[in-house]
Amino acid sequence: MWAAIILACSLELDTCKNLANPDVYRTLDACLDSLGEGIVAAETNGWTVINYTCLNWKNRDLEMSV
């Protein structure tokens, strides 16, 4: 099971937040697809994406995408 996580900050980089889709994905590919959608949504709403990843809950390994 995978979770999509995005770190996004304001344009001034003085405010940051974690963006996470509440859905859990069965495959890494599905999680990465969700990240793509999430990045577009964050940037559309004025956030700067700093980093993003998929977390494998089974072994808690991160698949770093940056």
N, C-alpha and C. Protein backbone atom coordinates (compact mmCIF):
# COMPACT_ATOMS: atom_id res chain seq x y z
N MET A 1 0.85 -1.17 0.00
CA MET A 1 0.00 0.00 0.00
C MET A 1 0.90 1.24 0.00
N TRP A 2 0.52 2.18 -0.81
CA TRP A 2 1.33 3.39 -1.03
C TRP A 2 0.54 4.65 -0.69
N ALA A 3 1.23 5.67 -0.18
CA ALA A 3 0.64 6.98 0.10
C ALA A 3 1.43 8.05 -0.64
N ALA A 4 0.73 8.99 -1.26
CA ALA A 4 1.35 10.10 -1.99
C ALA A 4 1.49 11.29 -1.06
N ILE A 5 2.71 11.86 -0.99
CA ILE A 5 2.99 12.97 -0.08
C ILE A 5 3.73 14.07 -0.83
N ILE A 6 3.28 15.31 -0.66
CA ILE A 6 3.91 16.46 -1.31
C ILE A 6 4.24 17.50 -0.24
N LEU A 7 5.46 18.07 -0.32
CA LEU A 7 5.84 19.21 0.51
C LEU A 7 5.74 20.44 -0.37
N ALA A 8 4.89 21.39 0.01
CA ALA A 8 4.68 22.60 -0.78
C ALA A 8 4.80 23.82 0.11
N CYS A 9 5.35 24.90 -0.48
CA CYS A 9 5.53 26.14 0.27
C CYS A 9 4.93 27.31 -0.51
N SER A 10 4.66 28.38 0.23
CA SER A 10 4.20 29.61 -0.41
C SER A 10 5.31 30.15 -1.30
N LEU A 11 4.98 31.08 -2.17
CA LEU A 11 5.98 31.65 -3.06
C LEU A 11 7.11 32.31 -2.29
N GLU A 12 6.81 32.85 -1.10
CA GLU A 12 7.83 33.50 -0.28
C GLU A 12 8.64 32.47 0.53
N LEU A 13 8.23 31.21 0.49
CA LEU A 13 8.86 30.10 1.21
C LEU A 13 8.83 30.28 2.73
N ASP A 14 7.89 31.12 3.22
CA ASP A 14 7.79 31.32 4.66
C ASP A 14 6.71 30.45 5.30
N THR A 15 5.87 29.85 4.47
CA THR A 15 4.83 28.96 4.96
C THR A 15 4.86 27.68 4.12
N CYS A 16 5.00 26.55 4.78
CA CYS A 16 5.03 25.27 4.08
C CYS A 16 3.98 24.34 4.69
N LYS A 17 3.54 23.38 3.88
CA LYS A 17 2.59 22.41 4.39
C LYS A 17 2.76 21.09 3.65
N ASN A 18 2.31 20.06 4.32
CA ASN A 18 2.30 18.72 3.76
C ASN A 18 0.96 18.51 3.07
N LEU A 19 1.00 18.08 1.83
CA LEU A 19 -0.22 17.76 1.09
C LEU A 19 -0.23 16.25 0.87
N ALA A 20 -1.28 15.60 1.29
CA ALA A 20 -1.36 14.16 1.13
C ALA A 20 -2.77 13.77 0.70
N ASN A 21 -2.85 12.97 -0.33
CA ASN A 21 -4.14 12.45 -0.76
C ASN A 21 -4.60 11.43 0.27
N PRO A 22 -5.84 11.48 0.70
CA PRO A 22 -6.30 10.52 1.71
C PRO A 22 -6.41 9.09 1.19
N ASP A 23 -6.36 8.92 -0.14
CA ASP A 23 -6.44 7.57 -0.70
C ASP A 23 -5.12 6.83 -0.50
N VAL A 24 -5.21 5.52 -0.40
CA VAL A 24 -4.04 4.65 -0.34
C VAL A 24 -4.06 3.82 -1.63
N TYR A 25 -2.89 3.68 -2.25
CA TYR A 25 -2.80 3.02 -3.55
C TYR A 25 -2.15 1.65 -3.42
N ARG A 26 -2.59 0.73 -4.27
CA ARG A 26 -2.06 -0.63 -4.24
C ARG A 26 -0.72 -0.77 -4.95
N THR A 27 -0.44 0.15 -5.90
CA THR A 27 0.79 0.06 -6.67
C THR A 27 1.54 1.39 -6.65
N LEU A 28 2.85 1.30 -6.84
CA LEU A 28 3.68 2.50 -6.93
C LEU A 28 3.25 3.35 -8.11
N ASP A 29 2.95 2.73 -9.25
CA ASP A 29 2.53 3.48 -10.43
C ASP A 29 1.29 4.32 -10.15
N ALA A 30 0.32 3.76 -9.46
CA ALA A 30 -0.90 4.51 -9.13
C ALA A 30 -0.58 5.67 -8.20
N CYS A 31 0.32 5.45 -7.27
CA CYS A 31 0.73 6.52 -6.36
C CYS A 31 1.43 7.64 -7.13
N LEU A 32 2.33 7.28 -8.03
CA LEU A 32 3.04 8.29 -8.82
C LEU A 32 2.08 9.08 -9.71
N ASP A 33 1.07 8.42 -10.25
CA ASP A 33 0.05 9.12 -11.03
C ASP A 33 -0.67 10.16 -10.16
N SER A 34 -0.98 9.77 -8.93
CA SER A 34 -1.64 10.69 -8.00
C SER A 34 -0.74 11.87 -7.69
N LEU A 35 0.55 11.62 -7.54
CA LEU A 35 1.48 12.72 -7.28
C LEU A 35 1.45 13.73 -8.42
N GLY A 36 1.43 13.24 -9.64
CA GLY A 36 1.37 14.14 -10.80
C GLY A 36 0.16 15.05 -10.73
N GLU A 37 -0.98 14.49 -10.40
CA GLU A 37 -2.21 15.29 -10.28
C GLU A 37 -2.10 16.27 -9.11
N GLY A 38 -1.52 15.80 -8.01
CA GLY A 38 -1.38 16.65 -6.83
C GLY A 38 -0.44 17.82 -7.05
N ILE A 39 0.64 17.58 -7.79
CA ILE A 39 1.59 18.65 -8.09
C ILE A 39 0.91 19.74 -8.93
N VAL A 40 0.18 19.33 -9.93
CA VAL A 40 -0.54 20.30 -10.76
C VAL A 40 -1.53 21.09 -9.91
N ALA A 41 -2.27 20.41 -9.05
CA ALA A 41 -3.25 21.09 -8.20
C ALA A 41 -2.57 22.07 -7.25
N ALA A 42 -1.47 21.67 -6.64
CA ALA A 42 -0.76 22.55 -5.71
C ALA A 42 -0.26 23.80 -6.42
N GLU A 43 0.36 23.62 -7.58
CA GLU A 43 0.90 24.76 -8.32
C GLU A 43 -0.22 25.67 -8.84
N THR A 44 -1.33 25.08 -9.23
CA THR A 44 -2.49 25.87 -9.68
C THR A 44 -3.02 26.75 -8.55
N ASN A 45 -2.89 26.27 -7.32
CA ASN A 45 -3.36 27.03 -6.16
C ASN A 45 -2.28 27.93 -5.56
N GLY A 46 -1.19 28.15 -6.29
CA GLY A 46 -0.18 29.11 -5.87
C GLY A 46 0.92 28.58 -4.97
N TRP A 47 1.01 27.27 -4.79
CA TRP A 47 2.05 26.69 -3.95
C TRP A 47 3.26 26.29 -4.81
N THR A 48 4.44 26.36 -4.22
CA THR A 48 5.67 25.89 -4.86
C THR A 48 5.97 24.51 -4.31
N VAL A 49 6.05 23.52 -5.17
CA VAL A 49 6.35 22.15 -4.74
C VAL A 49 7.85 22.03 -4.48
N ILE A 50 8.20 21.67 -3.26
CA ILE A 50 9.59 21.54 -2.85
C ILE A 50 10.08 20.11 -3.05
N ASN A 51 9.26 19.16 -2.70
CA ASN A 51 9.61 17.75 -2.83
C ASN A 51 8.34 16.92 -2.83
N TYR A 52 8.45 15.68 -3.26
CA TYR A 52 7.31 14.77 -3.28
C TYR A 52 7.82 13.34 -3.26
N THR A 53 6.99 12.44 -2.77
CA THR A 53 7.40 11.05 -2.67
C THR A 53 6.17 10.15 -2.51
N CYS A 54 6.41 8.86 -2.67
CA CYS A 54 5.42 7.85 -2.34
C CYS A 54 5.98 7.02 -1.19
N LEU A 55 5.18 6.80 -0.18
CA LEU A 55 5.58 6.02 0.99
C LEU A 55 4.95 4.64 0.89
N ASN A 56 5.79 3.61 0.97
CA ASN A 56 5.32 2.23 0.99
C ASN A 56 5.04 1.86 2.45
N TRP A 57 3.77 1.74 2.80
CA TRP A 57 3.40 1.46 4.19
C TRP A 57 3.82 0.06 4.63
N LYS A 58 4.00 -0.85 3.69
CA LYS A 58 4.36 -2.21 4.07
C LYS A 58 5.73 -2.25 4.73
N ASN A 59 6.70 -1.59 4.13
CA ASN A 59 8.05 -1.60 4.71
C ASN A 59 8.55 -0.20 5.06
N ARG A 60 7.68 0.78 4.88
CA ARG A 60 7.95 2.19 5.18
C ARG A 60 9.13 2.77 4.41
N ASP A 61 9.39 2.21 3.24
CA ASP A 61 10.42 2.76 2.35
C ASP A 61 9.82 3.89 1.53
N LEU A 62 10.64 4.89 1.28
CA LEU A 62 10.22 6.00 0.44
C LEU A 62 10.74 5.81 -0.97
N GLU A 63 9.91 6.07 -1.94
CA GLU A 63 10.31 6.08 -3.34
C GLU A 63 10.48 7.54 -3.70
N MET A 64 11.71 8.03 -3.63
CA MET A 64 11.96 9.45 -3.88
C MET A 64 11.81 9.72 -5.38
N SER A 65 11.04 10.72 -5.67
CA SER A 65 10.72 11.03 -7.06
C SER A 65 11.41 12.30 -7.54
N VAL A 66 12.18 12.91 -6.69
CA VAL A 66 12.88 14.14 -7.08
C VAL A 66 14.36 13.85 -7.11
